Amino acid sequence: MKLDDDIHNYYEHLVLDRIEALGLPGKKSADYIADLCCLALNKVPPRYIRYEVDMAFFLPQLERIQMEQEVEAAIEQGIKILDERELRGEL
């Protein structure tokens, strides 16, 4: 059995949007971005959806803000971890 290709974690979208907003793809390597995505996504709860439009229509504004704040905190933590590893020469 295979899950539908449309099923995905909505937080992936929020994490990628935040990384883009910070301008990290132009500043950091693809490996750094991939590691950051993994670190951030492991800090937030999964929220599986089929269609983005469903989240846009049915998600209350307050909940959306809370999700964005969770992502911001998770990305900040991930950046701190990865930047410390870079300073120690581990990346």
N, C-alpha and C. Protein backbone atom coordinates (compact mmCIF):
# COMPACT_ATOMS: atom_id res chain seq x y z
N MET A 1 0.84 -1.19 0.00
CA MET A 1 0.00 0.00 0.00
C MET A 1 0.88 1.24 0.00
N LYS A 2 0.45 2.24 -0.71
CA LYS A 2 1.20 3.49 -0.82
C LYS A 2 0.28 4.66 -0.46
N LEU A 3 0.80 5.58 0.33
CA LEU A 3 0.04 6.79 0.63
C LEU A 3 -0.07 7.63 -0.63
N ASP A 4 -1.11 8.38 -0.73
CA ASP A 4 -1.34 9.27 -1.86
C ASP A 4 -0.19 10.29 -1.94
N ASP A 5 0.25 10.61 -3.14
CA ASP A 5 1.33 11.58 -3.33
C ASP A 5 0.96 12.98 -2.85
N ASP A 6 -0.34 13.25 -2.74
CA ASP A 6 -0.79 14.56 -2.30
C ASP A 6 -0.67 14.76 -0.79
N ILE A 7 -0.51 13.69 -0.04
CA ILE A 7 -0.45 13.80 1.42
C ILE A 7 0.94 14.30 1.83
N HIS A 8 0.94 15.37 2.60
CA HIS A 8 2.21 15.90 3.11
C HIS A 8 2.00 16.66 4.42
N ASN A 9 3.09 16.94 5.07
CA ASN A 9 3.08 17.64 6.34
C ASN A 9 3.04 19.15 6.05
N TYR A 10 2.01 19.82 6.52
CA TYR A 10 1.84 21.25 6.27
C TYR A 10 3.01 22.07 6.82
N TYR A 11 3.62 21.59 7.89
CA TYR A 11 4.75 22.32 8.47
C TYR A 11 5.93 22.40 7.49
N GLU A 12 6.03 21.45 6.55
CA GLU A 12 7.10 21.52 5.55
C GLU A 12 6.99 22.84 4.78
N HIS A 13 5.79 23.18 4.40
CA HIS A 13 5.53 24.43 3.67
C HIS A 13 5.95 25.64 4.51
N LEU A 14 5.58 25.64 5.79
CA LEU A 14 5.90 26.77 6.67
C LEU A 14 7.41 26.89 6.90
N VAL A 15 8.07 25.75 7.06
CA VAL A 15 9.53 25.75 7.27
C VAL A 15 10.24 26.29 6.03
N LEU A 16 9.86 25.82 4.87
CA LEU A 16 10.49 26.30 3.63
C LEU A 16 10.23 27.78 3.40
N ASP A 17 9.02 28.24 3.70
CA ASP A 17 8.71 29.66 3.56
C ASP A 17 9.59 30.51 4.48
N ARG A 18 9.78 30.06 5.70
CA ARG A 18 10.59 30.82 6.66
C ARG A 18 12.06 30.85 6.24
N ILE A 19 12.55 29.73 5.75
CA ILE A 19 13.94 29.67 5.29
C ILE A 19 14.14 30.62 4.11
N GLU A 20 13.18 30.66 3.21
CA GLU A 20 13.24 31.60 2.08
C GLU A 20 13.20 33.04 2.58
N ALA A 21 12.32 33.32 3.52
CA ALA A 21 12.18 34.68 4.05
C ALA A 21 13.47 35.17 4.70
N LEU A 22 14.21 34.26 5.29
CA LEU A 22 15.48 34.62 5.93
C LEU A 22 16.62 34.75 4.91
N GLY A 23 16.35 34.38 3.65
CA GLY A 23 17.37 34.47 2.61
C GLY A 23 18.48 33.45 2.73
N LEU A 24 18.22 32.36 3.43
CA LEU A 24 19.26 31.37 3.67
C LEU A 24 19.71 30.60 2.43
N PRO A 25 18.83 30.31 1.48
CA PRO A 25 19.30 29.56 0.31
C PRO A 25 20.44 30.25 -0.45
N GLY A 26 20.50 31.56 -0.43
CA GLY A 26 21.59 32.28 -1.09
C GLY A 26 22.84 32.39 -0.25
N LYS A 27 22.73 32.05 1.04
CA LYS A 27 23.85 32.22 1.96
C LYS A 27 24.45 30.89 2.43
N LYS A 28 23.64 29.85 2.43
CA LYS A 28 24.07 28.56 2.99
C LYS A 28 24.02 27.47 1.93
N SER A 29 24.75 26.39 2.19
CA SER A 29 24.80 25.27 1.24
C SER A 29 23.49 24.48 1.27
N ALA A 30 23.30 23.67 0.25
CA ALA A 30 22.11 22.81 0.18
C ALA A 30 22.10 21.82 1.35
N ASP A 31 23.27 21.34 1.75
CA ASP A 31 23.35 20.42 2.90
C ASP A 31 22.92 21.12 4.19
N TYR A 32 23.35 22.35 4.37
CA TYR A 32 22.96 23.13 5.55
C TYR A 32 21.44 23.30 5.58
N ILE A 33 20.86 23.67 4.44
CA ILE A 33 19.41 23.88 4.36
C ILE A 33 18.66 22.58 4.65
N ALA A 34 19.13 21.48 4.10
CA ALA A 34 18.50 20.18 4.34
C ALA A 34 18.57 19.81 5.82
N ASP A 35 19.74 20.01 6.43
CA ASP A 35 19.89 19.72 7.86
C ASP A 35 18.98 20.62 8.69
N LEU A 36 18.89 21.89 8.30
CA LEU A 36 18.04 22.83 9.02
C LEU A 36 16.57 22.41 8.93
N CYS A 37 16.14 21.99 7.75
CA CYS A 37 14.76 21.51 7.59
C CYS A 37 14.48 20.33 8.51
N CYS A 38 15.40 19.38 8.55
CA CYS A 38 15.21 18.21 9.41
C CYS A 38 15.15 18.62 10.88
N LEU A 39 16.07 19.45 11.32
CA LEU A 39 16.08 19.89 12.72
C LEU A 39 14.79 20.61 13.07
N ALA A 40 14.36 21.52 12.22
CA ALA A 40 13.15 22.30 12.49
C ALA A 40 11.90 21.41 12.49
N LEU A 41 11.78 20.56 11.49
CA LEU A 41 10.59 19.70 11.40
C LEU A 41 10.49 18.71 12.56
N ASN A 42 11.63 18.32 13.11
CA ASN A 42 11.60 17.42 14.26
C ASN A 42 11.20 18.13 15.55
N LYS A 43 11.17 19.46 15.53
CA LYS A 43 10.78 20.24 16.71
C LYS A 43 9.30 20.62 16.71
N VAL A 44 8.62 20.47 15.59
CA VAL A 44 7.21 20.85 15.50
C VAL A 44 6.36 19.59 15.29
N PRO A 45 5.10 19.64 15.69
CA PRO A 45 4.24 18.46 15.49
C PRO A 45 3.85 18.32 14.02
N PRO A 46 3.68 17.11 13.54
CA PRO A 46 3.24 16.95 12.15
C PRO A 46 1.78 17.38 11.99
N ARG A 47 1.47 17.87 10.83
CA ARG A 47 0.10 18.27 10.51
C ARG A 47 -0.15 17.88 9.06
N TYR A 48 -0.67 16.69 8.87
CA TYR A 48 -0.81 16.14 7.52
C TYR A 48 -2.07 16.65 6.83
N ILE A 49 -1.89 16.99 5.56
CA ILE A 49 -2.99 17.49 4.74
C ILE A 49 -2.86 16.90 3.34
N ARG A 50 -3.94 17.04 2.58
CA ARG A 50 -3.89 16.66 1.16
C ARG A 50 -3.78 17.90 0.29
N TYR A 51 -4.53 18.94 0.61
CA TYR A 51 -4.58 20.12 -0.26
C TYR A 51 -4.30 21.39 0.55
N GLU A 52 -3.41 22.20 0.01
CA GLU A 52 -3.05 23.47 0.67
C GLU A 52 -4.28 24.37 0.86
N VAL A 53 -5.17 24.33 -0.11
CA VAL A 53 -6.36 25.19 -0.05
C VAL A 53 -7.22 24.88 1.18
N ASP A 54 -7.22 23.62 1.61
CA ASP A 54 -7.98 23.26 2.81
C ASP A 54 -7.44 23.99 4.04
N MET A 55 -6.13 24.06 4.16
CA MET A 55 -5.53 24.74 5.31
C MET A 55 -5.80 26.24 5.23
N ALA A 56 -5.72 26.80 4.06
CA ALA A 56 -5.96 28.23 3.90
C ALA A 56 -7.40 28.59 4.26
N PHE A 57 -8.32 27.71 3.94
CA PHE A 57 -9.73 27.99 4.15
C PHE A 57 -10.19 27.65 5.57
N PHE A 58 -9.73 26.54 6.13
CA PHE A 58 -10.26 26.04 7.39
C PHE A 58 -9.41 26.35 8.62
N LEU A 59 -8.17 26.78 8.44
CA LEU A 59 -7.29 27.03 9.57
C LEU A 59 -7.59 28.40 10.19
N PRO A 60 -7.95 28.43 11.47
CA PRO A 60 -8.20 29.73 12.12
C PRO A 60 -6.91 30.57 12.15
N GLN A 61 -7.05 31.86 12.03
CA GLN A 61 -5.91 32.78 11.98
C GLN A 61 -5.01 32.63 13.21
N LEU A 62 -5.60 32.50 14.37
CA LEU A 62 -4.81 32.36 15.60
C LEU A 62 -3.95 31.10 15.57
N GLU A 63 -4.50 30.02 15.07
CA GLU A 63 -3.75 28.77 14.97
C GLU A 63 -2.62 28.90 13.95
N ARG A 64 -2.89 29.58 12.86
CA ARG A 64 -1.85 29.80 11.84
C ARG A 64 -0.70 30.60 12.43
N ILE A 65 -1.01 31.63 13.18
CA ILE A 65 0.03 32.46 13.82
C ILE A 65 0.85 31.61 14.78
N GLN A 66 0.19 30.78 15.56
CA GLN A 66 0.89 29.91 16.50
C GLN A 66 1.82 28.94 15.76
N MET A 67 1.35 28.38 14.66
CA MET A 67 2.18 27.47 13.87
C MET A 67 3.41 28.19 13.32
N GLU A 68 3.22 29.40 12.84
CA GLU A 68 4.34 30.18 12.31
C GLU A 68 5.36 30.50 13.41
N GLN A 69 4.87 30.81 14.61
CA GLN A 69 5.77 31.08 15.73
C GLN A 69 6.55 29.83 16.13
N GLU A 70 5.90 28.68 16.10
CA GLU A 70 6.58 27.42 16.39
C GLU A 70 7.70 27.17 15.38
N VAL A 71 7.42 27.45 14.13
CA VAL A 71 8.41 27.25 13.07
C VAL A 71 9.57 28.22 13.25
N GLU A 72 9.28 29.48 13.54
CA GLU A 72 10.34 30.46 13.75
C GLU A 72 11.28 30.02 14.88
N ALA A 73 10.71 29.56 15.98
CA ALA A 73 11.52 29.11 17.12
C ALA A 73 12.33 27.87 16.74
N ALA A 74 11.72 26.94 16.03
CA ALA A 74 12.42 25.72 15.63
C ALA A 74 13.58 26.03 14.69
N ILE A 75 13.37 26.96 13.77
CA ILE A 75 14.43 27.33 12.83
C ILE A 75 15.55 28.07 13.56
N GLU A 76 15.21 28.94 14.48
CA GLU A 76 16.24 29.63 15.27
C GLU A 76 17.10 28.63 16.02
N GLN A 77 16.47 27.63 16.63
CA GLN A 77 17.23 26.59 17.35
C GLN A 77 18.12 25.82 16.39
N GLY A 78 17.57 25.47 15.22
CA GLY A 78 18.34 24.73 14.23
C GLY A 78 19.53 25.52 13.72
N ILE A 79 19.34 26.80 13.46
CA ILE A 79 20.43 27.65 13.01
C ILE A 79 21.52 27.71 14.07
N LYS A 80 21.14 27.86 15.30
CA LYS A 80 22.11 27.92 16.39
C LYS A 80 22.94 26.63 16.44
N ILE A 81 22.28 25.50 16.35
CA ILE A 81 22.98 24.21 16.37
C ILE A 81 23.94 24.09 15.20
N LEU A 82 23.45 24.39 14.00
CA LEU A 82 24.29 24.23 12.81
C LEU A 82 25.44 25.23 12.78
N ASP A 83 25.19 26.47 13.20
CA ASP A 83 26.26 27.47 13.21
C ASP A 83 27.33 27.12 14.23
N GLU A 84 26.94 26.55 15.37
CA GLU A 84 27.93 26.11 16.37
C GLU A 84 28.75 24.95 15.80
N ARG A 85 28.11 24.05 15.07
CA ARG A 85 28.85 22.95 14.44
C ARG A 85 29.83 23.46 13.39
N GLU A 86 29.41 24.47 12.62
CA GLU A 86 30.30 25.05 11.63
C GLU A 86 31.51 25.68 12.29
N LEU A 87 31.30 26.39 13.39
CA LEU A 87 32.40 27.03 14.10
C LEU A 87 33.40 26.01 14.64
N ARG A 88 32.89 24.85 15.03
CA ARG A 88 33.77 23.79 15.54
C ARG A 88 34.37 22.96 14.40
N GLY A 89 33.99 23.27 13.16
CA GLY A 89 34.53 22.55 12.01
C GLY A 89 33.91 21.18 11.79
N GLU A 90 32.70 20.98 12.33
CA GLU A 90 32.05 19.68 12.22
C GLU A 90 31.20 19.57 10.96
N LEU A 91 30.96 20.65 10.25
CA LEU A 91 30.16 20.60 9.02
C LEU A 91 31.03 20.83 7.82
